[in-house]
Amino acid sequence: MVLDMGNVKQLVDKYFAELITYFRNDQEVELRDLSNRAIESAALNQDKTLVDISLVSYALAKFMTKPHLFKSDQWSKFKAHILHELEGKKDFKIILDEIIEDVSSFDVSLGNYARDVIEKARIKQASRVYALGISLKRAGELTGVSLSSLLDYVGATKIHDRPYTKTKSVVDRYKTTKRVLGE
């Protein structure tokens, strides 16, 4: 359901509070679920703050699945730093931008992966947006992924072959658009 700006703000507030709680309590599964709910809401409402909540939730959950990292001293320092930022009194967008930078820096400093976890989150969530029926181009724009990276991922995963991403007729697209816009 497409929300008005006031309702989007309420949703951002709610998801941001959940992000803090789940991260503080090491709730990896709940963070992943939040990431999925946030990206679906972001797609419907074309809201970049919701995209950022999705990316941060995904990245933090991903870190929690790595025992060598999750049990390390580096993690406890990183977690304390992120919680301090999350609980700060700044604008959500500023906080999320800073956390995205911190997560990328932390991930790169570990040196374990060729592509950092935020970039992986962007690509994965962009493909999710595409699976919801948003064009590849718009999915990339919304999540900050290049079209070529998204095409590579979608092509490799065969997401375009799944039943819920099949091409719709013009009439079906019109009906879906009317339903989403509440008309």
N, C-alpha and C. Protein backbone atom coordinates (compact mmCIF):
# COMPACT_ATOMS: atom_id res chain seq x y z
N MET A 1 0.84 -1.18 0.00
CA MET A 1 0.00 0.00 0.00
C MET A 1 0.88 1.24 0.00
N VAL A 2 0.59 2.16 -0.89
CA VAL A 2 1.33 3.41 -0.97
C VAL A 2 0.83 4.31 0.16
N LEU A 3 1.76 4.89 0.90
CA LEU A 3 1.43 5.73 2.05
C LEU A 3 1.66 7.20 1.72
N ASP A 4 0.98 8.08 2.44
CA ASP A 4 1.30 9.49 2.30
C ASP A 4 2.58 9.77 3.09
N MET A 5 3.14 10.95 2.93
CA MET A 5 4.45 11.26 3.53
C MET A 5 4.43 11.14 5.05
N GLY A 6 3.32 11.50 5.70
CA GLY A 6 3.23 11.37 7.15
C GLY A 6 3.28 9.92 7.58
N ASN A 7 2.60 9.07 6.82
CA ASN A 7 2.62 7.64 7.14
C ASN A 7 3.97 7.01 6.83
N VAL A 8 4.64 7.48 5.78
CA VAL A 8 5.99 6.99 5.48
C VAL A 8 6.91 7.34 6.65
N LYS A 9 6.78 8.55 7.17
CA LYS A 9 7.60 8.98 8.33
C LYS A 9 7.34 8.07 9.52
N GLN A 10 6.07 7.72 9.77
CA GLN A 10 5.74 6.80 10.87
C GLN A 10 6.37 5.43 10.64
N LEU A 11 6.34 4.97 9.39
CA LEU A 11 6.93 3.68 9.07
C LEU A 11 8.45 3.72 9.26
N VAL A 12 9.08 4.82 8.84
CA VAL A 12 10.52 4.98 9.05
C VAL A 12 10.83 4.96 10.55
N ASP A 13 10.06 5.69 11.33
CA ASP A 13 10.25 5.70 12.79
C ASP A 13 10.14 4.30 13.37
N LYS A 14 9.11 3.58 12.96
CA LYS A 14 8.88 2.22 13.46
C LYS A 14 10.04 1.30 13.08
N TYR A 15 10.42 1.30 11.81
CA TYR A 15 11.50 0.42 11.36
C TYR A 15 12.83 0.80 12.00
N PHE A 16 13.06 2.09 12.19
CA PHE A 16 14.32 2.52 12.81
C PHE A 16 14.38 2.02 14.25
N ALA A 17 13.28 2.11 14.98
CA ALA A 17 13.24 1.60 16.36
C ALA A 17 13.48 0.09 16.38
N GLU A 18 12.87 -0.63 15.42
CA GLU A 18 13.09 -2.07 15.33
C GLU A 18 14.56 -2.37 15.04
N LEU A 19 15.17 -1.61 14.15
CA LEU A 19 16.58 -1.80 13.81
C LEU A 19 17.44 -1.71 15.07
N ILE A 20 17.22 -0.69 15.87
CA ILE A 20 17.99 -0.53 17.11
C ILE A 20 17.79 -1.72 18.03
N THR A 21 16.54 -2.09 18.26
CA THR A 21 16.23 -3.19 19.18
C THR A 21 16.84 -4.50 18.71
N TYR A 22 16.62 -4.84 17.44
CA TYR A 22 17.13 -6.11 16.93
C TYR A 22 18.65 -6.16 16.94
N PHE A 23 19.28 -5.06 16.59
CA PHE A 23 20.75 -5.04 16.59
C PHE A 23 21.29 -5.13 18.01
N ARG A 24 20.72 -4.37 18.91
CA ARG A 24 21.16 -4.39 20.31
C ARG A 24 21.07 -5.80 20.88
N ASN A 25 20.02 -6.54 20.50
CA ASN A 25 19.76 -7.87 21.05
C ASN A 25 20.28 -9.02 20.19
N ASP A 26 21.12 -8.69 19.20
CA ASP A 26 21.72 -9.70 18.33
C ASP A 26 20.68 -10.60 17.67
N GLN A 27 19.59 -10.00 17.19
CA GLN A 27 18.51 -10.76 16.57
C GLN A 27 18.68 -10.74 15.05
N GLU A 28 19.51 -11.64 14.58
CA GLU A 28 19.86 -11.70 13.16
C GLU A 28 18.66 -12.00 12.27
N VAL A 29 17.84 -12.96 12.64
CA VAL A 29 16.68 -13.34 11.82
C VAL A 29 15.70 -12.16 11.72
N GLU A 30 15.48 -11.48 12.82
CA GLU A 30 14.58 -10.33 12.82
C GLU A 30 15.13 -9.18 11.98
N LEU A 31 16.45 -9.00 12.01
CA LEU A 31 17.07 -7.97 11.16
C LEU A 31 16.86 -8.28 9.68
N ARG A 32 16.99 -9.54 9.31
CA ARG A 32 16.76 -9.93 7.91
C ARG A 32 15.30 -9.69 7.52
N ASP A 33 14.39 -10.05 8.41
CA ASP A 33 12.98 -9.82 8.14
C ASP A 33 12.70 -8.32 8.01
N LEU A 34 13.28 -7.53 8.88
CA LEU A 34 13.13 -6.07 8.79
C LEU A 34 13.67 -5.56 7.46
N SER A 35 14.80 -6.08 7.05
CA SER A 35 15.39 -5.67 5.78
C SER A 35 14.43 -5.92 4.63
N ASN A 36 13.79 -7.08 4.64
CA ASN A 36 12.84 -7.42 3.57
C ASN A 36 11.58 -6.56 3.63
N ARG A 37 11.05 -6.33 4.82
CA ARG A 37 9.86 -5.48 4.94
C ARG A 37 10.18 -4.05 4.51
N ALA A 38 11.36 -3.57 4.91
CA ALA A 38 11.74 -2.19 4.58
C ALA A 38 11.93 -2.01 3.07
N ILE A 39 12.53 -2.99 2.39
CA ILE A 39 12.74 -2.83 0.95
C ILE A 39 11.42 -2.92 0.20
N GLU A 40 10.50 -3.74 0.68
CA GLU A 40 9.19 -3.81 0.05
C GLU A 40 8.44 -2.48 0.21
N SER A 41 8.51 -1.90 1.41
CA SER A 41 7.89 -0.59 1.65
C SER A 41 8.58 0.49 0.83
N ALA A 42 9.90 0.40 0.72
CA ALA A 42 10.66 1.38 -0.08
C ALA A 42 10.24 1.32 -1.54
N ALA A 43 10.05 0.11 -2.05
CA ALA A 43 9.64 -0.04 -3.45
C ALA A 43 8.26 0.56 -3.68
N LEU A 44 7.35 0.27 -2.81
CA LEU A 44 5.98 0.78 -2.96
C LEU A 44 5.90 2.29 -2.82
N ASN A 45 6.74 2.84 -1.94
CA ASN A 45 6.66 4.27 -1.64
C ASN A 45 7.79 5.09 -2.25
N GLN A 46 8.71 4.40 -2.97
CA GLN A 46 9.83 5.07 -3.62
C GLN A 46 10.58 5.95 -2.63
N ASP A 47 10.92 5.37 -1.46
CA ASP A 47 11.54 6.13 -0.38
C ASP A 47 12.95 5.60 -0.09
N LYS A 48 13.94 6.49 -0.23
CA LYS A 48 15.34 6.09 -0.06
C LYS A 48 15.72 5.86 1.39
N THR A 49 15.05 6.51 2.35
CA THR A 49 15.36 6.24 3.75
C THR A 49 14.98 4.81 4.10
N LEU A 50 13.87 4.34 3.59
CA LEU A 50 13.48 2.95 3.80
C LEU A 50 14.48 2.00 3.13
N VAL A 51 15.00 2.38 1.97
CA VAL A 51 16.05 1.58 1.32
C VAL A 51 17.26 1.48 2.25
N ASP A 52 17.67 2.61 2.82
CA ASP A 52 18.85 2.61 3.70
C ASP A 52 18.62 1.77 4.96
N ILE A 53 17.42 1.80 5.51
CA ILE A 53 17.12 0.93 6.66
C ILE A 53 17.26 -0.52 6.25
N SER A 54 16.78 -0.85 5.06
CA SER A 54 16.89 -2.21 4.54
C SER A 54 18.36 -2.61 4.39
N LEU A 55 19.17 -1.73 3.80
CA LEU A 55 20.58 -2.04 3.57
C LEU A 55 21.34 -2.24 4.88
N VAL A 56 21.12 -1.35 5.83
CA VAL A 56 21.81 -1.45 7.12
C VAL A 56 21.38 -2.71 7.85
N SER A 57 20.08 -2.99 7.86
CA SER A 57 19.58 -4.20 8.53
C SER A 57 20.18 -5.45 7.90
N TYR A 58 20.20 -5.49 6.58
CA TYR A 58 20.77 -6.64 5.87
C TYR A 58 22.25 -6.82 6.21
N ALA A 59 23.01 -5.73 6.13
CA ALA A 59 24.45 -5.81 6.36
C ALA A 59 24.77 -6.25 7.79
N LEU A 60 24.08 -5.68 8.76
CA LEU A 60 24.34 -6.04 10.15
C LEU A 60 23.96 -7.50 10.42
N ALA A 61 22.86 -7.94 9.83
CA ALA A 61 22.46 -9.35 9.97
C ALA A 61 23.49 -10.26 9.32
N LYS A 62 24.00 -9.86 8.17
CA LYS A 62 25.01 -10.65 7.47
C LYS A 62 26.27 -10.81 8.33
N PHE A 63 26.70 -9.71 8.96
CA PHE A 63 27.87 -9.79 9.85
C PHE A 63 27.63 -10.80 10.98
N MET A 64 26.39 -10.84 11.48
CA MET A 64 26.08 -11.73 12.61
C MET A 64 26.15 -13.20 12.23
N THR A 65 26.13 -13.50 10.93
CA THR A 65 26.20 -14.90 10.50
C THR A 65 27.64 -15.38 10.37
N LYS A 66 28.59 -14.51 10.57
CA LYS A 66 30.01 -14.86 10.45
C LYS A 66 30.60 -15.07 11.85
N PRO A 67 30.69 -16.32 12.32
CA PRO A 67 31.15 -16.57 13.69
C PRO A 67 32.53 -15.98 13.99
N HIS A 68 33.45 -16.03 13.02
CA HIS A 68 34.79 -15.50 13.26
C HIS A 68 34.75 -14.00 13.54
N LEU A 69 33.74 -13.33 13.02
CA LEU A 69 33.58 -11.90 13.23
C LEU A 69 32.70 -11.61 14.44
N PHE A 70 31.58 -12.28 14.52
CA PHE A 70 30.59 -12.02 15.55
C PHE A 70 31.14 -12.26 16.96
N LYS A 71 32.08 -13.16 17.09
CA LYS A 71 32.66 -13.49 18.40
C LYS A 71 33.96 -12.74 18.67
N SER A 72 34.35 -11.83 17.81
CA SER A 72 35.64 -11.15 17.95
C SER A 72 35.55 -9.86 18.77
N ASP A 73 36.72 -9.40 19.23
CA ASP A 73 36.79 -8.12 19.93
C ASP A 73 36.45 -6.97 18.98
N GLN A 74 36.82 -7.13 17.72
CA GLN A 74 36.50 -6.10 16.72
C GLN A 74 35.00 -5.86 16.67
N TRP A 75 34.23 -6.96 16.73
CA TRP A 75 32.77 -6.85 16.65
C TRP A 75 32.22 -6.04 17.82
N SER A 76 32.67 -6.34 19.04
CA SER A 76 32.10 -5.62 20.20
C SER A 76 32.38 -4.13 20.11
N LYS A 77 33.54 -3.76 19.63
CA LYS A 77 33.85 -2.33 19.47
C LYS A 77 32.99 -1.72 18.36
N PHE A 78 32.87 -2.45 17.25
CA PHE A 78 32.06 -1.99 16.13
C PHE A 78 30.59 -1.85 16.54
N LYS A 79 30.09 -2.86 17.24
CA LYS A 79 28.69 -2.84 17.67
C LYS A 79 28.42 -1.65 18.59
N ALA A 80 29.32 -1.41 19.54
CA ALA A 80 29.14 -0.27 20.46
C ALA A 80 29.12 1.04 19.68
N HIS A 81 29.99 1.15 18.69
CA HIS A 81 30.05 2.36 17.86
C HIS A 81 28.74 2.54 17.07
N ILE A 82 28.26 1.48 16.45
CA ILE A 82 27.03 1.55 15.65
C ILE A 82 25.83 1.88 16.55
N LEU A 83 25.75 1.25 17.71
CA LEU A 83 24.65 1.56 18.63
C LEU A 83 24.68 3.02 19.07
N HIS A 84 25.88 3.53 19.30
CA HIS A 84 26.02 4.95 19.67
C HIS A 84 25.47 5.84 18.54
N GLU A 85 25.79 5.49 17.30
CA GLU A 85 25.28 6.27 16.17
C GLU A 85 23.77 6.12 16.03
N LEU A 86 23.27 4.88 16.16
CA LEU A 86 21.83 4.65 16.01
C LEU A 86 21.02 5.40 17.06
N GLU A 87 21.57 5.50 18.24
CA GLU A 87 20.84 6.14 19.33
C GLU A 87 21.11 7.64 19.43
N GLY A 88 21.86 8.16 18.45
CA GLY A 88 22.15 9.59 18.42
C GLY A 88 20.90 10.39 18.11
N LYS A 89 20.98 11.67 18.25
CA LYS A 89 19.81 12.54 18.07
C LYS A 89 19.81 13.26 16.73
N LYS A 90 20.49 12.71 15.75
CA LYS A 90 20.55 13.32 14.43
C LYS A 90 19.39 12.86 13.56
N ASP A 91 19.33 13.42 12.39
CA ASP A 91 18.36 13.02 11.38
C ASP A 91 18.63 11.57 10.95
N PHE A 92 17.57 10.78 10.75
CA PHE A 92 17.72 9.37 10.35
C PHE A 92 18.60 9.21 9.13
N LYS A 93 18.38 10.05 8.13
CA LYS A 93 19.14 9.92 6.87
C LYS A 93 20.63 10.10 7.13
N ILE A 94 20.99 11.08 7.95
CA ILE A 94 22.40 11.32 8.28
C ILE A 94 22.97 10.12 9.03
N ILE A 95 22.22 9.62 10.01
CA ILE A 95 22.67 8.47 10.79
C ILE A 95 22.89 7.26 9.88
N LEU A 96 21.92 6.99 9.01
CA LEU A 96 22.02 5.82 8.12
C LEU A 96 23.18 5.97 7.14
N ASP A 97 23.38 7.17 6.61
CA ASP A 97 24.52 7.40 5.71
C ASP A 97 25.84 7.12 6.43
N GLU A 98 25.96 7.59 7.67
CA GLU A 98 27.18 7.36 8.45
C GLU A 98 27.38 5.88 8.74
N ILE A 99 26.30 5.19 9.07
CA ILE A 99 26.41 3.76 9.36
C ILE A 99 26.78 2.98 8.11
N ILE A 100 26.21 3.34 6.98
CA ILE A 100 26.57 2.67 5.72
C ILE A 100 28.07 2.84 5.46
N GLU A 101 28.59 4.04 5.66
CA GLU A 101 30.04 4.26 5.50
C GLU A 101 30.83 3.43 6.50
N ASP A 102 30.40 3.40 7.76
CA ASP A 102 31.10 2.64 8.80
C ASP A 102 31.08 1.14 8.52
N VAL A 103 29.93 0.64 8.07
CA VAL A 103 29.82 -0.79 7.75
C VAL A 103 30.76 -1.14 6.60
N SER A 104 30.78 -0.31 5.58
CA SER A 104 31.66 -0.57 4.44
C SER A 104 33.12 -0.53 4.87
N SER A 105 33.50 0.46 5.67
CA SER A 105 34.88 0.56 6.15
C SER A 105 35.26 -0.64 7.00
N PHE A 106 34.36 -1.05 7.88
CA PHE A 106 34.61 -2.20 8.75
C PHE A 106 34.79 -3.46 7.92
N ASP A 107 33.93 -3.64 6.94
CA ASP A 107 33.98 -4.81 6.08
C ASP A 107 35.27 -4.84 5.27
N VAL A 108 35.65 -3.70 4.71
CA VAL A 108 36.88 -3.62 3.92
C VAL A 108 38.10 -3.88 4.80
N SER A 109 38.07 -3.36 6.03
CA SER A 109 39.22 -3.55 6.92
C SER A 109 39.44 -5.03 7.26
N LEU A 110 38.37 -5.81 7.21
CA LEU A 110 38.50 -7.25 7.47
C LEU A 110 39.18 -7.97 6.32
N GLY A 111 39.00 -7.43 5.10
CA GLY A 111 39.70 -7.95 3.93
C GLY A 111 39.28 -9.33 3.49
N ASN A 112 38.08 -9.77 3.88
CA ASN A 112 37.67 -11.14 3.55
C ASN A 112 36.96 -11.27 2.21
N TYR A 113 36.42 -10.19 1.71
CA TYR A 113 35.55 -10.30 0.54
C TYR A 113 35.95 -9.32 -0.54
N ALA A 114 35.69 -9.73 -1.80
CA ALA A 114 36.02 -8.87 -2.93
C ALA A 114 35.04 -7.71 -3.04
N ARG A 115 33.81 -7.92 -2.64
CA ARG A 115 32.78 -6.88 -2.72
C ARG A 115 32.22 -6.69 -1.31
N ASP A 116 32.13 -5.46 -0.86
CA ASP A 116 31.70 -5.25 0.52
C ASP A 116 30.23 -5.57 0.72
N VAL A 117 29.86 -5.77 1.97
CA VAL A 117 28.52 -6.23 2.33
C VAL A 117 27.44 -5.23 1.95
N ILE A 118 27.73 -3.95 1.97
CA ILE A 118 26.72 -2.95 1.57
C ILE A 118 26.44 -3.07 0.07
N GLU A 119 27.47 -3.25 -0.72
CA GLU A 119 27.26 -3.42 -2.16
C GLU A 119 26.46 -4.69 -2.44
N LYS A 120 26.76 -5.76 -1.71
CA LYS A 120 25.98 -6.99 -1.87
C LYS A 120 24.52 -6.75 -1.48
N ALA A 121 24.33 -6.00 -0.40
CA ALA A 121 22.96 -5.69 0.05
C ALA A 121 22.22 -4.88 -1.02
N ARG A 122 22.91 -3.90 -1.59
CA ARG A 122 22.27 -3.08 -2.64
C ARG A 122 21.79 -3.94 -3.81
N ILE A 123 22.66 -4.84 -4.25
CA ILE A 123 22.33 -5.69 -5.40
C ILE A 123 21.20 -6.65 -5.05
N LYS A 124 21.30 -7.28 -3.91
CA LYS A 124 20.27 -8.24 -3.51
C LYS A 124 18.92 -7.55 -3.34
N GLN A 125 18.92 -6.39 -2.70
CA GLN A 125 17.65 -5.70 -2.47
C GLN A 125 17.10 -5.08 -3.76
N ALA A 126 17.99 -4.66 -4.66
CA ALA A 126 17.53 -4.17 -5.95
C ALA A 126 16.83 -5.28 -6.72
N SER A 127 17.37 -6.50 -6.64
CA SER A 127 16.73 -7.63 -7.32
C SER A 127 15.38 -7.93 -6.68
N ARG A 128 15.28 -7.74 -5.38
CA ARG A 128 14.00 -7.93 -4.69
C ARG A 128 12.97 -6.89 -5.17
N VAL A 129 13.42 -5.64 -5.32
CA VAL A 129 12.55 -4.58 -5.84
C VAL A 129 12.09 -4.94 -7.25
N TYR A 130 13.00 -5.43 -8.06
CA TYR A 130 12.66 -5.86 -9.42
C TYR A 130 11.63 -6.99 -9.38
N ALA A 131 11.80 -7.94 -8.47
CA ALA A 131 10.87 -9.06 -8.35
C ALA A 131 9.48 -8.59 -7.94
N LEU A 132 9.39 -7.42 -7.32
CA LEU A 132 8.10 -6.86 -6.93
C LEU A 132 7.40 -6.17 -8.09
N GLY A 133 8.08 -6.10 -9.24
CA GLY A 133 7.44 -5.54 -10.43
C GLY A 133 7.95 -4.17 -10.85
N ILE A 134 8.93 -3.64 -10.14
CA ILE A 134 9.53 -2.36 -10.51
C ILE A 134 10.54 -2.63 -11.62
N SER A 135 10.70 -1.70 -12.55
CA SER A 135 11.64 -1.92 -13.66
C SER A 135 13.07 -2.07 -13.14
N LEU A 136 13.90 -2.75 -13.92
CA LEU A 136 15.32 -2.90 -13.55
C LEU A 136 15.98 -1.54 -13.34
N LYS A 137 15.71 -0.63 -14.26
CA LYS A 137 16.32 0.70 -14.18
C LYS A 137 15.93 1.40 -12.88
N ARG A 138 14.64 1.41 -12.56
CA ARG A 138 14.17 2.09 -11.35
C ARG A 138 14.65 1.37 -10.09
N ALA A 139 14.71 0.04 -10.11
CA ALA A 139 15.21 -0.73 -8.97
C ALA A 139 16.66 -0.35 -8.69
N GLY A 140 17.45 -0.19 -9.74
CA GLY A 140 18.85 0.22 -9.58
C GLY A 140 18.96 1.64 -9.06
N GLU A 141 18.14 2.54 -9.59
CA GLU A 141 18.17 3.93 -9.13
C GLU A 141 17.78 4.03 -7.66
N LEU A 142 16.75 3.32 -7.27
CA LEU A 142 16.26 3.40 -5.89
C LEU A 142 17.28 2.89 -4.89
N THR A 143 18.00 1.83 -5.26
CA THR A 143 18.94 1.20 -4.32
C THR A 143 20.40 1.62 -4.51
N GLY A 144 20.67 2.39 -5.56
CA GLY A 144 22.03 2.85 -5.79
C GLY A 144 22.93 1.82 -6.46
N VAL A 145 22.35 0.95 -7.27
CA VAL A 145 23.10 -0.10 -7.96
C VAL A 145 23.18 0.23 -9.44
N SER A 146 24.33 -0.02 -10.03
CA SER A 146 24.45 0.19 -11.47
C SER A 146 23.60 -0.84 -12.20
N LEU A 147 23.08 -0.45 -13.32
CA LEU A 147 22.23 -1.34 -14.11
C LEU A 147 23.01 -2.60 -14.52
N SER A 148 24.29 -2.43 -14.86
CA SER A 148 25.07 -3.61 -15.28
C SER A 148 25.25 -4.60 -14.13
N SER A 149 25.50 -4.12 -12.91
CA SER A 149 25.63 -5.01 -11.76
C SER A 149 24.33 -5.74 -11.48
N LEU A 150 23.23 -4.99 -11.58
CA LEU A 150 21.92 -5.59 -11.33
C LEU A 150 21.59 -6.63 -12.41
N LEU A 151 21.87 -6.30 -13.66
CA LEU A 151 21.62 -7.26 -14.75
C LEU A 151 22.44 -8.53 -14.56
N ASP A 152 23.71 -8.38 -14.17
CA ASP A 152 24.56 -9.56 -13.92
C ASP A 152 23.94 -10.45 -12.85
N TYR A 153 23.50 -9.83 -11.74
CA TYR A 153 22.93 -10.58 -10.62
C TYR A 153 21.61 -11.25 -11.01
N VAL A 154 20.72 -10.48 -11.60
CA VAL A 154 19.42 -11.01 -11.98
C VAL A 154 19.58 -12.13 -13.01
N GLY A 155 20.49 -11.93 -13.95
CA GLY A 155 20.75 -12.97 -14.95
C GLY A 155 21.30 -14.24 -14.33
N ALA A 156 22.18 -14.10 -13.35
CA ALA A 156 22.78 -15.26 -12.70
C ALA A 156 21.79 -15.99 -11.80
N THR A 157 20.86 -15.25 -11.19
CA THR A 157 19.92 -15.88 -10.26
C THR A 157 18.67 -16.40 -10.95
N LYS A 158 18.46 -16.00 -12.19
CA LYS A 158 17.27 -16.40 -12.95
C LYS A 158 15.98 -15.89 -12.31
N ILE A 159 16.07 -14.78 -11.59
CA ILE A 159 14.89 -14.22 -10.95
C ILE A 159 13.80 -13.89 -11.96
N HIS A 160 14.23 -13.57 -13.16
CA HIS A 160 13.26 -13.23 -14.21
C HIS A 160 12.42 -14.42 -14.66
N ASP A 161 12.85 -15.65 -14.30
CA ASP A 161 12.10 -16.85 -14.67
C ASP A 161 11.06 -17.24 -13.63
N ARG A 162 11.07 -16.58 -12.49
CA ARG A 162 10.13 -16.94 -11.43
C ARG A 162 8.73 -16.49 -11.80
N PRO A 163 7.73 -17.24 -11.34
CA PRO A 163 6.35 -16.94 -11.73
C PRO A 163 5.90 -15.52 -11.38
N TYR A 164 6.36 -14.97 -10.25
CA TYR A 164 5.87 -13.65 -9.86
C TYR A 164 6.57 -12.51 -10.59
N THR A 165 7.49 -12.82 -11.49
CA THR A 165 8.12 -11.76 -12.27
C THR A 165 7.81 -11.90 -13.76
N LYS A 166 6.86 -12.73 -14.10
CA LYS A 166 6.47 -12.88 -15.51
C LYS A 166 5.86 -11.58 -16.02
N THR A 167 6.01 -11.35 -17.30
CA THR A 167 5.47 -10.15 -17.92
C THR A 167 3.96 -10.16 -17.81
N LYS A 168 3.41 -8.99 -17.50
CA LYS A 168 1.96 -8.84 -17.41
C LYS A 168 1.46 -8.10 -18.64
N SER A 169 0.19 -8.32 -18.94
CA SER A 169 -0.41 -7.58 -20.03
C SER A 169 -0.59 -6.13 -19.60
N VAL A 170 -0.86 -5.26 -20.56
CA VAL A 170 -1.08 -3.85 -20.27
C VAL A 170 -2.27 -3.69 -19.33
N VAL A 171 -3.32 -4.46 -19.54
CA VAL A 171 -4.53 -4.38 -18.70
C VAL A 171 -4.18 -4.79 -17.26
N ASP A 172 -3.42 -5.87 -17.10
CA ASP A 172 -3.03 -6.31 -15.76
C ASP A 172 -2.14 -5.28 -15.07
N ARG A 173 -1.21 -4.68 -15.82
CA ARG A 173 -0.35 -3.64 -15.24
C ARG A 173 -1.18 -2.44 -14.78
N TYR A 174 -2.18 -2.07 -15.59
CA TYR A 174 -3.06 -0.95 -15.25
C TYR A 174 -3.82 -1.26 -13.95
N LYS A 175 -4.37 -2.48 -13.85
CA LYS A 175 -5.11 -2.89 -12.65
C LYS A 175 -4.19 -2.88 -11.42
N THR A 176 -2.98 -3.39 -11.56
CA THR A 176 -2.03 -3.41 -10.45
C THR A 176 -1.69 -2.00 -10.02
N THR A 177 -1.44 -1.13 -10.98
CA THR A 177 -1.11 0.27 -10.66
C THR A 177 -2.26 0.94 -9.93
N LYS A 178 -3.49 0.75 -10.40
CA LYS A 178 -4.66 1.33 -9.74
C LYS A 178 -4.78 0.81 -8.30
N ARG A 179 -4.55 -0.49 -8.11
CA ARG A 179 -4.64 -1.09 -6.77
C ARG A 179 -3.58 -0.51 -5.85
N VAL A 180 -2.34 -0.42 -6.34
CA VAL A 180 -1.24 0.09 -5.52
C VAL A 180 -1.46 1.55 -5.16
N LEU A 181 -2.00 2.32 -6.07
CA LEU A 181 -2.23 3.74 -5.82
C LEU A 181 -3.53 3.98 -5.07
N GLY A 182 -4.27 2.91 -4.80
CA GLY A 182 -5.49 3.03 -4.01
C GLY A 182 -6.65 3.68 -4.75
N GLU A 183 -6.64 3.60 -6.05
CA GLU A 183 -7.72 4.21 -6.84
C GLU A 183 -8.82 3.23 -7.14
